[in-house]
Amino acid sequence: MDNPIDKITDSELEILKILWVNESPMTEKQIRDTLKGRSDWKRTTIQTLVKRLVDKGIILKDKKNIFHYVPAVTASELAKARTEELLAKVFGGNAKNLVSSMLNNDILSKDDLDDLKNFWQDRRNDK
């Protein structure tokens, strides 16, 4: 069965990011107001994106006087799903190839490499 997290579009992700940052239920108007200046989406576009996220179970709605929306998935869950998708599609499921590509193409800074080295050492010490 398909995971709805795998089907989040970039536009839907913008709505989800707003909800993650706010950390409390938001109305559609609050979402629209937050998007002002960031996008030129019309009200109907935002309504459609919110409805699609609700239909996918990615955000939940709660009616008080008006609907309030909250994320049903965390940023971490989405990052994990997108990373697994990237690994499968581009690197054949091989994480070593992903890391090699990032190293060979100078995607990681020296600070990134130092952070990763410390992370891996800490993980190794925990086991």
N, C-alpha and C. Protein backbone atom coordinates (compact mmCIF):
# COMPACT_ATOMS: atom_id res chain seq x y z
N MET A 1 0.83 -1.18 0.00
CA MET A 1 0.00 0.00 0.00
C MET A 1 0.88 1.25 0.00
N ASP A 2 0.49 2.25 -0.78
CA ASP A 2 1.26 3.47 -0.88
C ASP A 2 1.18 4.29 0.40
N ASN A 3 2.30 4.88 0.75
CA ASN A 3 2.37 5.75 1.91
C ASN A 3 2.01 7.17 1.46
N PRO A 4 1.01 7.82 2.07
CA PRO A 4 0.63 9.17 1.63
C PRO A 4 1.76 10.18 1.78
N ILE A 5 2.70 9.94 2.67
CA ILE A 5 3.83 10.85 2.82
C ILE A 5 4.63 10.92 1.53
N ASP A 6 4.69 9.80 0.80
CA ASP A 6 5.43 9.76 -0.45
C ASP A 6 4.78 10.60 -1.54
N LYS A 7 3.54 10.98 -1.35
CA LYS A 7 2.77 11.68 -2.38
C LYS A 7 2.59 13.18 -2.10
N ILE A 8 3.35 13.73 -1.17
CA ILE A 8 3.25 15.15 -0.86
C ILE A 8 3.96 15.95 -1.94
N THR A 9 3.23 16.89 -2.56
CA THR A 9 3.82 17.73 -3.59
C THR A 9 4.60 18.86 -2.95
N ASP A 10 5.43 19.53 -3.74
CA ASP A 10 6.19 20.66 -3.20
C ASP A 10 5.27 21.77 -2.70
N SER A 11 4.18 22.01 -3.40
CA SER A 11 3.23 23.04 -2.97
C SER A 11 2.57 22.65 -1.65
N GLU A 12 2.18 21.40 -1.52
CA GLU A 12 1.59 20.93 -0.26
C GLU A 12 2.60 21.03 0.88
N LEU A 13 3.86 20.78 0.55
CA LEU A 13 4.92 20.86 1.56
C LEU A 13 5.03 22.27 2.13
N GLU A 14 4.80 23.28 1.31
CA GLU A 14 4.85 24.66 1.80
C GLU A 14 3.79 24.90 2.88
N ILE A 15 2.61 24.34 2.67
CA ILE A 15 1.54 24.46 3.67
C ILE A 15 1.95 23.73 4.95
N LEU A 16 2.48 22.53 4.79
CA LEU A 16 2.88 21.71 5.93
C LEU A 16 3.98 22.39 6.74
N LYS A 17 4.93 23.02 6.07
CA LYS A 17 6.00 23.74 6.78
C LYS A 17 5.44 24.85 7.65
N ILE A 18 4.44 25.54 7.15
CA ILE A 18 3.81 26.62 7.93
C ILE A 18 3.20 26.05 9.20
N LEU A 19 2.53 24.91 9.08
CA LEU A 19 1.90 24.29 10.25
C LEU A 19 2.94 23.78 11.24
N TRP A 20 4.04 23.23 10.74
CA TRP A 20 5.11 22.77 11.63
C TRP A 20 5.70 23.92 12.43
N VAL A 21 5.97 25.03 11.76
CA VAL A 21 6.59 26.18 12.43
C VAL A 21 5.65 26.78 13.46
N ASN A 22 4.37 26.85 13.14
CA ASN A 22 3.40 27.48 14.04
C ASN A 22 3.18 26.67 15.31
N GLU A 23 3.23 25.36 15.22
CA GLU A 23 3.10 24.44 16.36
C GLU A 23 1.76 24.52 17.09
N SER A 24 0.79 25.20 16.51
CA SER A 24 -0.55 25.17 17.09
C SER A 24 -1.55 25.20 15.93
N PRO A 25 -2.76 24.77 16.15
CA PRO A 25 -3.73 24.73 15.06
C PRO A 25 -3.90 26.10 14.40
N MET A 26 -4.04 26.07 13.08
CA MET A 26 -4.19 27.31 12.31
C MET A 26 -5.44 27.23 11.45
N THR A 27 -6.06 28.37 11.27
CA THR A 27 -7.19 28.44 10.34
C THR A 27 -6.63 28.62 8.93
N GLU A 28 -7.51 28.39 7.96
CA GLU A 28 -7.10 28.60 6.58
C GLU A 28 -6.67 30.05 6.36
N LYS A 29 -7.37 30.99 6.98
CA LYS A 29 -7.01 32.41 6.84
C LYS A 29 -5.62 32.67 7.41
N GLN A 30 -5.30 32.06 8.53
CA GLN A 30 -3.97 32.23 9.12
C GLN A 30 -2.89 31.66 8.19
N ILE A 31 -3.20 30.54 7.56
CA ILE A 31 -2.26 29.95 6.60
C ILE A 31 -2.08 30.91 5.43
N ARG A 32 -3.19 31.44 4.90
CA ARG A 32 -3.13 32.39 3.78
C ARG A 32 -2.31 33.62 4.16
N ASP A 33 -2.57 34.16 5.35
CA ASP A 33 -1.86 35.35 5.81
C ASP A 33 -0.35 35.08 5.92
N THR A 34 0.01 33.89 6.37
CA THR A 34 1.42 33.53 6.49
C THR A 34 2.07 33.43 5.12
N LEU A 35 1.30 32.99 4.13
CA LEU A 35 1.84 32.85 2.78
C LEU A 35 1.96 34.17 2.02
N LYS A 36 1.29 35.21 2.51
CA LYS A 36 1.36 36.52 1.83
C LYS A 36 2.82 36.94 1.71
N GLY A 37 3.18 37.37 0.54
CA GLY A 37 4.55 37.79 0.30
C GLY A 37 5.47 36.65 -0.11
N ARG A 38 5.10 35.42 0.24
CA ARG A 38 5.91 34.25 -0.14
C ARG A 38 5.43 33.64 -1.44
N SER A 39 4.13 33.77 -1.69
CA SER A 39 3.57 33.18 -2.91
C SER A 39 2.43 34.06 -3.41
N ASP A 40 2.09 33.85 -4.66
CA ASP A 40 0.97 34.60 -5.23
C ASP A 40 -0.25 33.68 -5.41
N TRP A 41 -0.29 32.62 -4.59
CA TRP A 41 -1.41 31.68 -4.68
C TRP A 41 -2.71 32.37 -4.32
N LYS A 42 -3.73 32.04 -5.07
CA LYS A 42 -5.07 32.55 -4.80
C LYS A 42 -5.69 31.74 -3.66
N ARG A 43 -6.74 32.30 -3.09
CA ARG A 43 -7.44 31.64 -1.98
C ARG A 43 -7.86 30.23 -2.36
N THR A 44 -8.37 30.06 -3.58
CA THR A 44 -8.85 28.73 -4.01
C THR A 44 -7.70 27.73 -4.13
N THR A 45 -6.53 28.20 -4.50
CA THR A 45 -5.36 27.31 -4.58
C THR A 45 -5.01 26.79 -3.20
N ILE A 46 -4.99 27.70 -2.22
CA ILE A 46 -4.66 27.31 -0.85
C ILE A 46 -5.73 26.37 -0.31
N GLN A 47 -6.99 26.66 -0.58
CA GLN A 47 -8.08 25.76 -0.15
C GLN A 47 -7.88 24.36 -0.74
N THR A 48 -7.52 24.31 -2.01
CA THR A 48 -7.31 23.01 -2.68
C THR A 48 -6.15 22.26 -2.05
N LEU A 49 -5.04 22.95 -1.79
CA LEU A 49 -3.88 22.31 -1.19
C LEU A 49 -4.20 21.78 0.21
N VAL A 50 -4.90 22.58 1.00
CA VAL A 50 -5.28 22.15 2.35
C VAL A 50 -6.21 20.94 2.27
N LYS A 51 -7.18 20.98 1.38
CA LYS A 51 -8.11 19.85 1.23
C LYS A 51 -7.37 18.58 0.82
N ARG A 52 -6.42 18.70 -0.10
CA ARG A 52 -5.66 17.52 -0.53
C ARG A 52 -4.85 16.94 0.63
N LEU A 53 -4.26 17.81 1.45
CA LEU A 53 -3.51 17.33 2.61
C LEU A 53 -4.42 16.64 3.62
N VAL A 54 -5.61 17.18 3.82
CA VAL A 54 -6.58 16.55 4.72
C VAL A 54 -6.99 15.19 4.14
N ASP A 55 -7.30 15.16 2.85
CA ASP A 55 -7.73 13.91 2.20
C ASP A 55 -6.65 12.83 2.28
N LYS A 56 -5.39 13.24 2.23
CA LYS A 56 -4.27 12.29 2.32
C LYS A 56 -3.98 11.88 3.77
N GLY A 57 -4.59 12.57 4.73
CA GLY A 57 -4.32 12.28 6.14
C GLY A 57 -3.03 12.90 6.64
N ILE A 58 -2.48 13.85 5.88
CA ILE A 58 -1.23 14.49 6.25
C ILE A 58 -1.46 15.60 7.26
N ILE A 59 -2.59 16.26 7.17
CA ILE A 59 -2.98 17.21 8.21
C ILE A 59 -4.38 16.84 8.69
N LEU A 60 -4.67 17.24 9.90
CA LEU A 60 -5.97 16.97 10.50
C LEU A 60 -6.73 18.27 10.65
N LYS A 61 -8.04 18.21 10.56
CA LYS A 61 -8.83 19.41 10.77
C LYS A 61 -9.77 19.20 11.95
N ASP A 62 -9.98 20.28 12.67
CA ASP A 62 -10.83 20.26 13.85
C ASP A 62 -11.73 21.49 13.76
N LYS A 63 -13.02 21.26 13.84
CA LYS A 63 -13.94 22.39 13.73
C LYS A 63 -14.28 22.91 15.12
N LYS A 64 -13.93 24.17 15.31
CA LYS A 64 -14.38 24.87 16.50
C LYS A 64 -15.50 25.77 15.97
N ASN A 65 -15.30 27.04 15.83
CA ASN A 65 -16.24 27.86 15.08
C ASN A 65 -15.94 27.73 13.59
N ILE A 66 -14.67 27.61 13.29
CA ILE A 66 -14.20 27.36 11.94
C ILE A 66 -13.15 26.27 12.01
N PHE A 67 -12.79 25.71 10.87
CA PHE A 67 -11.80 24.63 10.86
C PHE A 67 -10.42 25.15 11.24
N HIS A 68 -9.72 24.37 12.05
CA HIS A 68 -8.32 24.59 12.39
C HIS A 68 -7.55 23.36 11.92
N TYR A 69 -6.34 23.59 11.42
CA TYR A 69 -5.55 22.51 10.84
C TYR A 69 -4.25 22.31 11.61
N VAL A 70 -3.85 21.04 11.76
CA VAL A 70 -2.59 20.67 12.41
C VAL A 70 -1.94 19.56 11.59
N PRO A 71 -0.60 19.48 11.60
CA PRO A 71 0.06 18.40 10.87
C PRO A 71 -0.18 17.06 11.55
N ALA A 72 -0.35 16.04 10.73
CA ALA A 72 -0.50 14.68 11.25
C ALA A 72 0.79 13.89 11.09
N VAL A 73 1.77 14.48 10.41
CA VAL A 73 3.09 13.87 10.26
C VAL A 73 4.13 14.89 10.70
N THR A 74 5.25 14.39 11.20
CA THR A 74 6.33 15.28 11.63
C THR A 74 7.29 15.55 10.48
N ALA A 75 8.09 16.58 10.64
CA ALA A 75 9.12 16.88 9.65
C ALA A 75 10.08 15.70 9.54
N SER A 76 10.37 15.05 10.65
CA SER A 76 11.27 13.90 10.67
C SER A 76 10.70 12.73 9.87
N GLU A 77 9.39 12.48 10.02
CA GLU A 77 8.76 11.40 9.24
C GLU A 77 8.82 11.69 7.75
N LEU A 78 8.60 12.94 7.38
CA LEU A 78 8.66 13.30 5.97
C LEU A 78 10.09 13.18 5.46
N ALA A 79 11.06 13.65 6.22
CA ALA A 79 12.46 13.57 5.81
C ALA A 79 12.87 12.12 5.61
N LYS A 80 12.45 11.24 6.50
CA LYS A 80 12.78 9.81 6.37
C LYS A 80 12.18 9.23 5.10
N ALA A 81 10.91 9.54 4.85
CA ALA A 81 10.25 9.01 3.66
C ALA A 81 10.90 9.53 2.38
N ARG A 82 11.21 10.84 2.36
CA ARG A 82 11.83 11.42 1.16
C ARG A 82 13.25 10.87 0.96
N THR A 83 13.99 10.64 2.04
CA THR A 83 15.33 10.08 1.92
C THR A 83 15.26 8.66 1.39
N GLU A 84 14.33 7.86 1.90
CA GLU A 84 14.17 6.49 1.41
C GLU A 84 13.78 6.50 -0.07
N GLU A 85 12.92 7.43 -0.46
CA GLU A 85 12.51 7.54 -1.86
C GLU A 85 13.71 7.90 -2.74
N LEU A 86 14.52 8.87 -2.30
CA LEU A 86 15.71 9.26 -3.05
C LEU A 86 16.69 8.10 -3.18
N LEU A 87 16.91 7.41 -2.07
CA LEU A 87 17.81 6.25 -2.10
C LEU A 87 17.33 5.21 -3.11
N ALA A 88 16.05 4.92 -3.08
CA ALA A 88 15.51 3.90 -3.98
C ALA A 88 15.55 4.33 -5.44
N LYS A 89 15.13 5.57 -5.71
CA LYS A 89 15.02 6.03 -7.09
C LYS A 89 16.36 6.33 -7.74
N VAL A 90 17.24 6.99 -7.00
CA VAL A 90 18.46 7.48 -7.61
C VAL A 90 19.67 6.58 -7.33
N PHE A 91 19.72 5.98 -6.16
CA PHE A 91 20.90 5.24 -5.76
C PHE A 91 20.65 3.75 -5.56
N GLY A 92 19.54 3.24 -6.06
CA GLY A 92 19.26 1.81 -5.98
C GLY A 92 19.22 1.29 -4.56
N GLY A 93 18.87 2.14 -3.61
CA GLY A 93 18.77 1.71 -2.22
C GLY A 93 20.11 1.67 -1.50
N ASN A 94 21.17 2.13 -2.15
CA ASN A 94 22.51 2.04 -1.58
C ASN A 94 22.91 3.38 -0.96
N ALA A 95 22.94 3.43 0.37
CA ALA A 95 23.27 4.67 1.08
C ALA A 95 24.72 5.08 0.84
N LYS A 96 25.60 4.12 0.66
CA LYS A 96 27.01 4.44 0.40
C LYS A 96 27.13 5.26 -0.88
N ASN A 97 26.35 4.90 -1.90
CA ASN A 97 26.40 5.65 -3.16
C ASN A 97 25.91 7.09 -2.97
N LEU A 98 24.91 7.28 -2.11
CA LEU A 98 24.42 8.62 -1.82
C LEU A 98 25.52 9.46 -1.16
N VAL A 99 26.15 8.91 -0.14
CA VAL A 99 27.21 9.64 0.57
C VAL A 99 28.39 9.90 -0.36
N SER A 100 28.75 8.90 -1.17
CA SER A 100 29.86 9.08 -2.13
C SER A 100 29.54 10.20 -3.10
N SER A 101 28.32 10.26 -3.57
CA SER A 101 27.92 11.31 -4.50
C SER A 101 28.04 12.69 -3.83
N MET A 102 27.61 12.78 -2.59
CA MET A 102 27.69 14.05 -1.87
C MET A 102 29.15 14.46 -1.66
N LEU A 103 30.02 13.49 -1.39
CA LEU A 103 31.44 13.80 -1.19
C LEU A 103 32.12 14.16 -2.51
N ASN A 104 31.86 13.37 -3.54
CA ASN A 104 32.51 13.58 -4.84
C ASN A 104 32.06 14.87 -5.52
N ASN A 105 30.88 15.36 -5.18
CA ASN A 105 30.36 16.57 -5.80
C ASN A 105 30.44 17.79 -4.88
N ASP A 106 31.25 17.68 -3.83
CA ASP A 106 31.49 18.78 -2.90
C ASP A 106 30.20 19.40 -2.36
N ILE A 107 29.23 18.55 -2.05
CA ILE A 107 27.97 19.01 -1.48
C ILE A 107 28.10 19.25 0.02
N LEU A 108 29.00 18.50 0.65
CA LEU A 108 29.20 18.62 2.09
C LEU A 108 30.35 19.59 2.38
N SER A 109 30.11 20.52 3.29
CA SER A 109 31.16 21.45 3.70
C SER A 109 32.08 20.76 4.72
N LYS A 110 33.18 21.42 5.04
CA LYS A 110 34.07 20.88 6.06
C LYS A 110 33.33 20.75 7.39
N ASP A 111 32.51 21.75 7.72
CA ASP A 111 31.72 21.69 8.96
C ASP A 111 30.75 20.52 8.94
N ASP A 112 30.11 20.28 7.77
CA ASP A 112 29.22 19.13 7.64
C ASP A 112 29.98 17.84 7.91
N LEU A 113 31.16 17.73 7.31
CA LEU A 113 31.97 16.51 7.49
C LEU A 113 32.38 16.33 8.95
N ASP A 114 32.77 17.41 9.60
CA ASP A 114 33.13 17.33 11.03
C ASP A 114 31.92 16.90 11.86
N ASP A 115 30.76 17.49 11.59
CA ASP A 115 29.54 17.12 12.31
C ASP A 115 29.20 15.65 12.10
N LEU A 116 29.30 15.20 10.86
CA LEU A 116 29.00 13.79 10.56
C LEU A 116 29.99 12.86 11.25
N LYS A 117 31.26 13.23 11.25
CA LYS A 117 32.27 12.41 11.92
C LYS A 117 31.92 12.26 13.40
N ASN A 118 31.58 13.37 14.05
CA ASN A 118 31.20 13.33 15.47
C ASN A 118 29.93 12.50 15.67
N PHE A 119 28.96 12.68 14.78
CA PHE A 119 27.71 11.92 14.86
C PHE A 119 27.98 10.42 14.77
N TRP A 120 28.79 10.02 13.77
CA TRP A 120 29.08 8.60 13.60
C TRP A 120 29.86 8.03 14.78
N GLN A 121 30.79 8.81 15.33
CA GLN A 121 31.53 8.35 16.49
C GLN A 121 30.60 8.17 17.69
N ASP A 122 29.71 9.13 17.89
CA ASP A 122 28.74 9.03 18.99
C ASP A 122 27.83 7.82 18.82
N ARG A 123 27.37 7.59 17.60
CA ARG A 123 26.50 6.42 17.33
C ARG A 123 27.25 5.13 17.59
N ARG A 124 28.49 5.08 17.18
CA ARG A 124 29.31 3.87 17.35
C ARG A 124 29.52 3.61 18.85
N ASN A 125 29.75 4.67 19.63
CA ASN A 125 29.98 4.54 21.06
C ASN A 125 28.72 4.11 21.81
N ASP A 126 27.54 4.49 21.27
CA ASP A 126 26.25 4.12 21.89
C ASP A 126 25.93 2.64 21.72
N LYS A 127 26.53 2.01 20.75
CA LYS A 127 26.19 0.60 20.47
C LYS A 127 27.12 -0.36 21.11
